Amino acid sequence: MIVTEKGKYKLLKDLKTRNSIGVGIIPEGTVIKITQIDNIYHKVIGPELMGWMYWDLPVEKEG
């Protein structure tokens, strides 16, 4: 799903995140919060993510 709105989303499969310091895996079923959306570069960020990620994520809108 392409995330175009801020809010809470439930992961439909494991998601690998990374930044300059490390790599992490957010497990399937985790609810992540998207706090910012960059419409120019098609990226999103939130507290659970380790950095900006491409906005086509394996998620469904929560609630």
PDB file of N, CA and C in Angstrom:
ATOM      1  N   MET A   1       0.852  -1.171   0.000  1.00  0.00           N
ATOM      2  CA  MET A   1       0.000   0.000   0.000  1.00  0.00           C
ATOM      3  C   MET A   1       0.898   1.235   0.000  1.00  0.00           C
ATOM      4  N   ILE A   2       0.593   2.195  -0.824  1.00  0.00           N
ATOM      5  CA  ILE A   2       1.329   3.453  -0.817  1.00  0.00           C
ATOM      6  C   ILE A   2       0.734   4.330   0.281  1.00  0.00           C
ATOM      7  N   VAL A   3       1.570   4.686   1.243  1.00  0.00           N
ATOM      8  CA  VAL A   3       1.137   5.465   2.402  1.00  0.00           C
ATOM      9  C   VAL A   3       1.180   6.947   2.038  1.00  0.00           C
ATOM     10  N   THR A   4       0.009   7.594   2.022  1.00  0.00           N
ATOM     11  CA  THR A   4      -0.063   9.013   1.674  1.00  0.00           C
ATOM     12  C   THR A   4      -0.647   9.860   2.793  1.00  0.00           C
ATOM     13  N   GLU A   5      -0.993   9.234   3.920  1.00  0.00           N
ATOM     14  CA  GLU A   5      -1.561   9.958   5.061  1.00  0.00           C
ATOM     15  C   GLU A   5      -0.827   9.576   6.334  1.00  0.00           C
ATOM     16  N   LYS A   6      -0.698  10.536   7.247  1.00  0.00           N
ATOM     17  CA  LYS A   6      -0.144  10.242   8.564  1.00  0.00           C
ATOM     18  C   LYS A   6      -1.132   9.371   9.319  1.00  0.00           C
ATOM     19  N   GLY A   7      -0.622   8.564  10.242  1.00  0.00           N
ATOM     20  CA  GLY A   7      -1.508   7.731  11.040  1.00  0.00           C
ATOM     21  C   GLY A   7      -0.863   6.426  11.436  1.00  0.00           C
ATOM     22  N   LYS A   8      -1.708   5.507  11.938  1.00  0.00           N
ATOM     23  CA  LYS A   8      -1.233   4.206  12.397  1.00  0.00           C
ATOM     24  C   LYS A   8      -1.552   3.151  11.345  1.00  0.00           C
ATOM     25  N   TYR A   9      -0.564   2.274  11.110  1.00  0.00           N
ATOM     26  CA  TYR A   9      -0.682   1.225  10.108  1.00  0.00           C
ATOM     27  C   TYR A   9      -0.186  -0.088  10.689  1.00  0.00           C
ATOM     28  N   LYS A  10      -0.857  -1.178  10.343  1.00  0.00           N
ATOM     29  CA  LYS A  10      -0.473  -2.511  10.803  1.00  0.00           C
ATOM     30  C   LYS A  10       0.342  -3.198   9.707  1.00  0.00           C
ATOM     31  N   LEU A  11       1.503  -3.757  10.091  1.00  0.00           N
ATOM     32  CA  LEU A  11       2.357  -4.454   9.128  1.00  0.00           C
ATOM     33  C   LEU A  11       1.754  -5.796   8.744  1.00  0.00           C
ATOM     34  N   LEU A  12       1.743  -6.103   7.450  1.00  0.00           N
ATOM     35  CA  LEU A  12       1.221  -7.367   6.945  1.00  0.00           C
ATOM     36  C   LEU A  12       2.318  -8.413   6.780  1.00  0.00           C
ATOM     37  N   LYS A  13       3.578  -8.001   6.844  1.00  0.00           N
ATOM     38  CA  LYS A  13       4.712  -8.929   6.845  1.00  0.00           C
ATOM     39  C   LYS A  13       5.896  -8.233   7.508  1.00  0.00           C
ATOM     40  N   ASP A  14       6.927  -9.009   7.864  1.00  0.00           N
ATOM     41  CA  ASP A  14       8.110  -8.435   8.503  1.00  0.00           C
ATOM     42  C   ASP A  14       8.701  -7.333   7.625  1.00  0.00           C
ATOM     43  N   LEU A  15       9.214  -6.294   8.281  1.00  0.00           N
ATOM     44  CA  LEU A  15       9.780  -5.151   7.564  1.00  0.00           C
ATOM     45  C   LEU A  15      11.200  -4.913   8.047  1.00  0.00           C
ATOM     46  N   LYS A  16      12.144  -4.911   7.124  1.00  0.00           N
ATOM     47  CA  LYS A  16      13.545  -4.651   7.467  1.00  0.00           C
ATOM     48  C   LYS A  16      13.796  -3.149   7.372  1.00  0.00           C
ATOM     49  N   THR A  17      14.351  -2.586   8.445  1.00  0.00           N
ATOM     50  CA  THR A  17      14.688  -1.166   8.461  1.00  0.00           C
ATOM     51  C   THR A  17      16.181  -1.027   8.678  1.00  0.00           C
ATOM     52  N   ARG A  18      16.737   0.091   8.222  1.00  0.00           N
ATOM     53  CA  ARG A  18      18.180   0.299   8.401  1.00  0.00           C
ATOM     54  C   ARG A  18      18.490   1.787   8.417  1.00  0.00           C
ATOM     55  N   ASN A  19      19.606   2.098   9.045  1.00  0.00           N
ATOM     56  CA  ASN A  19      20.170   3.437   8.995  1.00  0.00           C
ATOM     57  C   ASN A  19      21.685   3.300   9.002  1.00  0.00           C
ATOM     58  N   SER A  20      22.411   4.380   9.226  1.00  0.00           N
ATOM     59  CA  SER A  20      23.874   4.319   9.162  1.00  0.00           C
ATOM     60  C   SER A  20      24.484   3.536  10.322  1.00  0.00           C
ATOM     61  N   ILE A  21      23.723   3.296  11.380  1.00  0.00           N
ATOM     62  CA  ILE A  21      24.250   2.613  12.563  1.00  0.00           C
ATOM     63  C   ILE A  21      23.903   1.127  12.585  1.00  0.00           C
ATOM     64  N   GLY A  22      22.737   0.755  12.114  1.00  0.00           N
ATOM     65  CA  GLY A  22      22.348  -0.646  12.226  1.00  0.00           C
ATOM     66  C   GLY A  22      21.174  -1.031  11.355  1.00  0.00           C
ATOM     67  N   VAL A  23      20.782  -2.302  11.519  1.00  0.00           N
ATOM     68  CA  VAL A  23      19.663  -2.881  10.781  1.00  0.00           C
ATOM     69  C   VAL A  23      18.718  -3.505  11.796  1.00  0.00           C
ATOM     70  N   GLY A  24      17.419  -3.382  11.553  1.00  0.00           N
ATOM     71  CA  GLY A  24      16.443  -3.993  12.439  1.00  0.00           C
ATOM     72  C   GLY A  24      15.305  -4.596  11.652  1.00  0.00           C
ATOM     73  N   ILE A  25      14.561  -5.476  12.302  1.00  0.00           N
ATOM     74  CA  ILE A  25      13.385  -6.086  11.678  1.00  0.00           C
ATOM     75  C   ILE A  25      12.186  -5.820  12.572  1.00  0.00           C
ATOM     76  N   ILE A  26      11.147  -5.233  11.994  1.00  0.00           N
ATOM     77  CA  ILE A  26       9.891  -5.005  12.706  1.00  0.00           C
ATOM     78  C   ILE A  26       8.977  -6.168  12.330  1.00  0.00           C
ATOM     79  N   PRO A  27       8.498  -6.948  13.312  1.00  0.00           N
ATOM     80  CA  PRO A  27       7.717  -8.148  12.997  1.00  0.00           C
ATOM     81  C   PRO A  27       6.314  -7.866  12.449  1.00  0.00           C
ATOM     82  N   GLU A  28       5.817  -8.822  11.688  1.00  0.00           N
ATOM     83  CA  GLU A  28       4.451  -8.780  11.152  1.00  0.00           C
ATOM     84  C   GLU A  28       3.461  -8.566  12.289  1.00  0.00           C
ATOM     85  N   GLY A  29       2.437  -7.746  12.053  1.00  0.00           N
ATOM     86  CA  GLY A  29       1.407  -7.494  13.052  1.00  0.00           C
ATOM     87  C   GLY A  29       1.666  -6.274  13.911  1.00  0.00           C
ATOM     88  N   THR A  30       2.884  -5.736  13.867  1.00  0.00           N
ATOM     89  CA  THR A  30       3.221  -4.543  14.644  1.00  0.00           C
ATOM     90  C   THR A  30       2.503  -3.332  14.059  1.00  0.00           C
ATOM     91  N   VAL A  31       2.005  -2.473  14.930  1.00  0.00           N
ATOM     92  CA  VAL A  31       1.381  -1.226  14.489  1.00  0.00           C
ATOM     93  C   VAL A  31       2.454  -0.143  14.497  1.00  0.00           C
ATOM     94  N   ILE A  32       2.672   0.475  13.341  1.00  0.00           N
ATOM     95  CA  ILE A  32       3.650   1.552  13.243  1.00  0.00           C
ATOM     96  C   ILE A  32       2.920   2.871  13.024  1.00  0.00           C
ATOM     97  N   LYS A  33       3.532   3.939  13.492  1.00  0.00           N
ATOM     98  CA  LYS A  33       2.949   5.272  13.352  1.00  0.00           C
ATOM     99  C   LYS A  33       3.765   6.057  12.330  1.00  0.00           C
ATOM    100  N   ILE A  34       3.094   6.567  11.318  1.00  0.00           N
ATOM    101  CA  ILE A  34       3.740   7.408  10.313  1.00  0.00           C
ATOM    102  C   ILE A  34       3.496   8.857  10.719  1.00  0.00           C
ATOM    103  N   THR A  35       4.587   9.607  10.936  1.00  0.00           N
ATOM    104  CA  THR A  35       4.468  10.979  11.430  1.00  0.00           C
ATOM    105  C   THR A  35       4.768  12.032  10.375  1.00  0.00           C
ATOM    106  N   GLN A  36       5.535  11.661   9.339  1.00  0.00           N
ATOM    107  CA  GLN A  36       5.855  12.614   8.280  1.00  0.00           C
ATOM    108  C   GLN A  36       5.838  11.908   6.934  1.00  0.00           C
ATOM    109  N   ILE A  37       5.431  12.646   5.903  1.00  0.00           N
ATOM    110  CA  ILE A  37       5.397  12.111   4.544  1.00  0.00           C
ATOM    111  C   ILE A  37       6.095  13.101   3.625  1.00  0.00           C
ATOM    112  N   ASP A  38       7.010  12.609   2.815  1.00  0.00           N
ATOM    113  CA  ASP A  38       7.710  13.428   1.834  1.00  0.00           C
ATOM    114  C   ASP A  38       7.144  13.082   0.461  1.00  0.00           C
ATOM    115  N   ASN A  39       6.265  13.946  -0.057  1.00  0.00           N
ATOM    116  CA  ASN A  39       5.602  13.686  -1.336  1.00  0.00           C
ATOM    117  C   ASN A  39       6.525  13.868  -2.537  1.00  0.00           C
ATOM    118  N   ILE A  40       7.623  14.577  -2.370  1.00  0.00           N
ATOM    119  CA  ILE A  40       8.558  14.784  -3.475  1.00  0.00           C
ATOM    120  C   ILE A  40       9.388  13.526  -3.716  1.00  0.00           C
ATOM    121  N   TYR A  41       9.944  12.952  -2.647  1.00  0.00           N
ATOM    122  CA  TYR A  41      10.807  11.777  -2.777  1.00  0.00           C
ATOM    123  C   TYR A  41      10.088  10.464  -2.460  1.00  0.00           C
ATOM    124  N   HIS A  42       8.783  10.526  -2.173  1.00  0.00           N
ATOM    125  CA  HIS A  42       7.953   9.338  -1.916  1.00  0.00           C
ATOM    126  C   HIS A  42       8.478   8.517  -0.745  1.00  0.00           C
ATOM    127  N   LYS A  43       8.704   9.190   0.383  1.00  0.00           N
ATOM    128  CA  LYS A  43       9.230   8.521   1.577  1.00  0.00           C
ATOM    129  C   LYS A  43       8.388   8.875   2.795  1.00  0.00           C
ATOM    130  N   VAL A  44       8.454   7.999   3.807  1.00  0.00           N
ATOM    131  CA  VAL A  44       7.743   8.218   5.069  1.00  0.00           C
ATOM    132  C   VAL A  44       8.699   7.941   6.227  1.00  0.00           C
ATOM    133  N   ILE A  45       8.350   8.488   7.401  1.00  0.00           N
ATOM    134  CA  ILE A  45       9.150   8.246   8.599  1.00  0.00           C
ATOM    135  C   ILE A  45       8.221   8.218   9.800  1.00  0.00           C
ATOM    136  N   GLY A  46       8.641   7.489  10.815  1.00  0.00           N
ATOM    137  CA  GLY A  46       7.902   7.396  12.071  1.00  0.00           C
ATOM    138  C   GLY A  46       8.822   6.888  13.159  1.00  0.00           C
ATOM    139  N   PRO A  47       8.376   6.915  14.419  1.00  0.00           N
ATOM    140  CA  PRO A  47       9.227   6.521  15.542  1.00  0.00           C
ATOM    141  C   PRO A  47       9.755   5.084  15.464  1.00  0.00           C
ATOM    142  N   GLU A  48       8.976   4.159  14.929  1.00  0.00           N
ATOM    143  CA  GLU A  48       9.400   2.757  14.863  1.00  0.00           C
ATOM    144  C   GLU A  48      10.397   2.500  13.732  1.00  0.00           C
ATOM    145  N   LEU A  49      10.381   3.352  12.723  1.00  0.00           N
ATOM    146  CA  LEU A  49      11.287   3.190  11.585  1.00  0.00           C
ATOM    147  C   LEU A  49      12.637   3.802  11.947  1.00  0.00           C
ATOM    148  N   MET A  50      13.709   3.272  11.409  1.00  0.00           N
ATOM    149  CA  MET A  50      15.049   3.756  11.753  1.00  0.00           C
ATOM    150  C   MET A  50      15.493   4.909  10.860  1.00  0.00           C
ATOM    151  N   GLY A  51      14.672   5.295   9.934  1.00  0.00           N
ATOM    152  CA  GLY A  51      14.998   6.380   9.016  1.00  0.00           C
ATOM    153  C   GLY A  51      13.906   6.484   7.965  1.00  0.00           C
ATOM    154  N   TRP A  52      14.134   7.341   6.984  1.00  0.00           N
ATOM    155  CA  TRP A  52      13.167   7.495   5.905  1.00  0.00           C
ATOM    156  C   TRP A  52      13.095   6.212   5.090  1.00  0.00           C
ATOM    157  N   MET A  53      11.863   5.808   4.742  1.00  0.00           N
ATOM    158  CA  MET A  53      11.649   4.601   3.935  1.00  0.00           C
ATOM    159  C   MET A  53      10.739   4.947   2.760  1.00  0.00           C
ATOM    160  N   TYR A  54      10.906   4.191   1.659  1.00  0.00           N
ATOM    161  CA  TYR A  54      10.018   4.352   0.511  1.00  0.00           C
ATOM    162  C   TYR A  54       8.579   4.086   0.956  1.00  0.00           C
ATOM    163  N   TRP A  55       7.626   4.849   0.459  1.00  0.00           N
ATOM    164  CA  TRP A  55       6.267   4.835   0.993  1.00  0.00           C
ATOM    165  C   TRP A  55       5.401   3.653   0.564  1.00  0.00           C
ATOM    166  N   ASP A  56       5.885   2.761  -0.270  1.00  0.00           N
ATOM    167  CA  ASP A  56       5.125   1.561  -0.647  1.00  0.00           C
ATOM    168  C   ASP A  56       5.470   0.456   0.353  1.00  0.00           C
ATOM    169  N   LEU A  57       4.675   0.353   1.413  1.00  0.00           N
ATOM    170  CA  LEU A  57       4.953  -0.559   2.520  1.00  0.00           C
ATOM    171  C   LEU A  57       3.891  -1.657   2.608  1.00  0.00           C
ATOM    172  N   PRO A  58       4.251  -2.826   3.187  1.00  0.00           N
ATOM    173  CA  PRO A  58       3.278  -3.914   3.371  1.00  0.00           C
ATOM    174  C   PRO A  58       2.406  -3.653   4.604  1.00  0.00           C
ATOM    175  N   VAL A  59       1.474  -2.702   4.487  1.00  0.00           N
ATOM    176  CA  VAL A  59       0.662  -2.280   5.633  1.00  0.00           C
ATOM    177  C   VAL A  59      -0.807  -2.156   5.253  1.00  0.00           C
ATOM    178  N   GLU A  60      -1.651  -2.080   6.299  1.00  0.00           N
ATOM    179  CA  GLU A  60      -3.051  -1.708   6.128  1.00  0.00           C
ATOM    180  C   GLU A  60      -3.362  -0.656   7.176  1.00  0.00           C
ATOM    181  N   LYS A  61      -4.267   0.250   6.860  1.00  0.00           N
ATOM    182  CA  LYS A  61      -4.641   1.334   7.770  1.00  0.00           C
ATOM    183  C   LYS A  61      -5.263   0.755   9.027  1.00  0.00           C
ATOM    184  N   GLU A  62      -4.834   1.218  10.177  1.00  0.00           N
ATOM    185  CA  GLU A  62      -5.339   0.759  11.473  1.00  0.00           C
ATOM    186  C   GLU A  62      -6.507   1.652  11.896  1.00  0.00           C
ATOM    187  N   GLY A  63      -7.609   1.028  12.289  1.00  0.00           N
ATOM    188  CA  GLY A  63      -8.751   1.777  12.820  1.00  0.00           C
ATOM    189  C   GLY A  63      -9.581   2.379  11.824  1.00  0.00           C
TER     190      GLY A  63
END
